Amino acid sequence: MRENVAFDAPVLSPDGSGGHEREWVKRYSCRAKFIYSRGSEAVSAARLEGRAIYKIKIRQCDASRVIKTDWRMRDTRRSETYNIREVDAITDPKWVYLTVESGVAQ
């Protein structure tokens, strides 16, 4: 686990004109392992469009089990932001696996 990541949840707040504005609030940070995705046609197509798809491995705990797909992940060392596409907290009792994607709108 060499990377430092933080997870932000969206919070809606009034914008003063009757609408809402989305803000990101940090909920959890931890160490992570980035696993480079390769091989599938979807991954290759994403790379051609300037998007990167990674599988992320983090330790399972109470805080990591509440991560949802509407949250975002930040690589705190490189200042990269990733959308969370998939959360797998069931397969392995020790780890939570995430599929994240960079280069797309939040």
Protein backbone atom coordinates (compact mmCIF):
# COMPACT_ATOMS: atom_id res chain seq x y z
CA MET A 1 0.00 0.00 0.00
CA ARG A 2 2.05 2.90 -1.31
CA GLU A 3 -0.53 5.48 -2.30
CA ASN A 4 -2.50 7.93 -0.16
CA VAL A 5 -6.12 8.47 -1.15
CA ALA A 6 -9.08 10.39 0.24
CA PHE A 7 -12.77 9.82 -0.36
CA ASP A 8 -15.22 12.72 -0.67
CA ALA A 9 -19.02 12.53 -0.44
CA PRO A 10 -21.31 14.98 -2.25
CA VAL A 11 -23.34 17.34 -0.06
CA LEU A 12 -26.08 19.59 -1.43
CA SER A 13 -26.28 23.08 0.03
CA PRO A 14 -28.62 25.96 -0.86
CA ASP A 15 -27.15 28.39 -3.38
CA GLY A 16 -29.25 31.38 -2.26
CA SER A 17 -31.46 31.54 -5.36
CA GLY A 18 -33.73 28.58 -4.68
CA GLY A 19 -31.42 25.92 -6.10
CA HIS A 20 -28.77 23.65 -4.68
CA GLU A 21 -25.05 23.51 -5.15
CA ARG A 22 -23.00 20.35 -4.79
CA GLU A 23 -19.98 20.50 -2.53
CA TRP A 24 -17.51 17.74 -1.73
CA VAL A 25 -16.82 16.85 1.91
CA LYS A 26 -13.92 14.59 2.89
CA ARG A 27 -15.22 11.46 4.66
CA TYR A 28 -12.29 9.05 4.77
CA SER A 29 -8.61 8.77 3.90
CA CYS A 30 -6.33 5.75 3.83
CA ARG A 31 -3.48 3.96 2.08
CA ALA A 32 -4.27 2.19 -1.19
CA LYS A 33 -2.82 0.02 -3.90
CA PHE A 34 -3.47 0.98 -7.53
CA ILE A 35 -3.89 -1.99 -9.88
CA TYR A 36 -3.59 -1.02 -13.53
CA SER A 37 -6.49 -2.38 -15.60
CA ARG A 38 -5.54 -3.81 -18.95
CA GLY A 39 -6.81 -6.05 -21.64
CA SER A 40 -10.51 -5.41 -22.14
CA GLU A 41 -11.91 -3.56 -25.10
CA ALA A 42 -13.66 -1.03 -22.83
CA VAL A 43 -10.40 -0.19 -21.05
CA SER A 44 -8.57 0.26 -24.36
CA ALA A 45 -11.33 2.51 -25.69
CA ALA A 46 -11.25 4.59 -22.51
CA ARG A 47 -7.51 5.13 -22.86
CA LEU A 48 -7.96 6.33 -26.43
CA GLU A 49 -10.40 8.92 -25.10
CA GLY A 50 -7.94 10.13 -22.44
CA ARG A 51 -9.53 8.32 -19.50
CA ALA A 52 -7.71 5.97 -17.15
CA ILE A 53 -9.40 3.08 -15.36
CA TYR A 54 -7.82 1.55 -12.26
CA LYS A 55 -8.76 -1.06 -9.71
CA ILE A 56 -8.01 0.15 -6.18
CA LYS A 57 -7.46 -2.05 -3.15
CA ILE A 58 -8.01 -0.63 0.38
CA ARG A 59 -8.33 -2.23 3.80
CA GLN A 60 -11.84 -3.14 4.91
CA CYS A 61 -13.12 -1.20 7.94
CA ASP A 62 -16.35 0.52 9.00
CA ALA A 63 -15.44 3.71 7.11
CA SER A 64 -14.43 1.94 3.89
CA ARG A 65 -17.65 -0.11 3.77
CA VAL A 66 -19.81 3.03 3.41
CA ILE A 67 -18.07 4.31 0.24
CA LYS A 68 -20.62 4.65 -2.57
CA THR A 69 -20.46 5.13 -6.33
CA ASP A 70 -21.62 8.76 -6.12
CA TRP A 71 -18.51 9.61 -4.08
CA ARG A 72 -15.16 10.55 -5.58
CA MET A 73 -11.63 9.44 -4.78
CA ARG A 74 -8.62 11.74 -4.72
CA ASP A 75 -5.00 10.69 -5.05
CA THR A 76 -3.57 13.10 -2.49
CA ARG A 77 0.01 12.78 -3.71
CA ARG A 78 -0.66 13.51 -7.39
CA SER A 79 -3.78 15.70 -6.96
CA GLU A 80 -5.78 13.47 -9.34
CA THR A 81 -9.52 13.01 -8.93
CA TYR A 82 -11.36 9.82 -9.89
CA ASN A 83 -15.02 8.92 -10.20
CA ILE A 84 -15.90 5.72 -8.38
CA ARG A 85 -17.60 3.32 -10.80
CA GLU A 86 -17.85 0.16 -8.69
CA VAL A 87 -17.44 -0.80 -5.02
CA ASP A 88 -16.86 -4.42 -3.97
CA ALA A 89 -16.88 -4.78 -0.18
CA ILE A 90 -18.26 -8.35 -0.24
CA THR A 91 -15.79 -10.57 -2.12
CA ASP A 92 -12.89 -10.38 0.35
CA PRO A 93 -13.32 -9.91 4.12
CA LYS A 94 -9.98 -8.05 4.41
CA TRP A 95 -10.17 -5.71 1.41
CA VAL A 96 -12.52 -3.37 -0.43
CA TYR A 97 -11.95 -3.23 -4.20
CA LEU A 98 -12.95 -0.14 -6.16
CA THR A 99 -13.05 0.53 -9.88
CA VAL A 100 -12.26 4.18 -10.52
CA GLU A 101 -12.00 6.31 -13.65
CA SER A 102 -10.19 9.58 -14.30
CA GLY A 103 -10.69 12.11 -17.05
CA VAL A 104 -14.50 12.33 -16.84
CA ALA A 105 -16.81 15.05 -15.51
CA GLN A 106 -17.80 14.85 -11.87
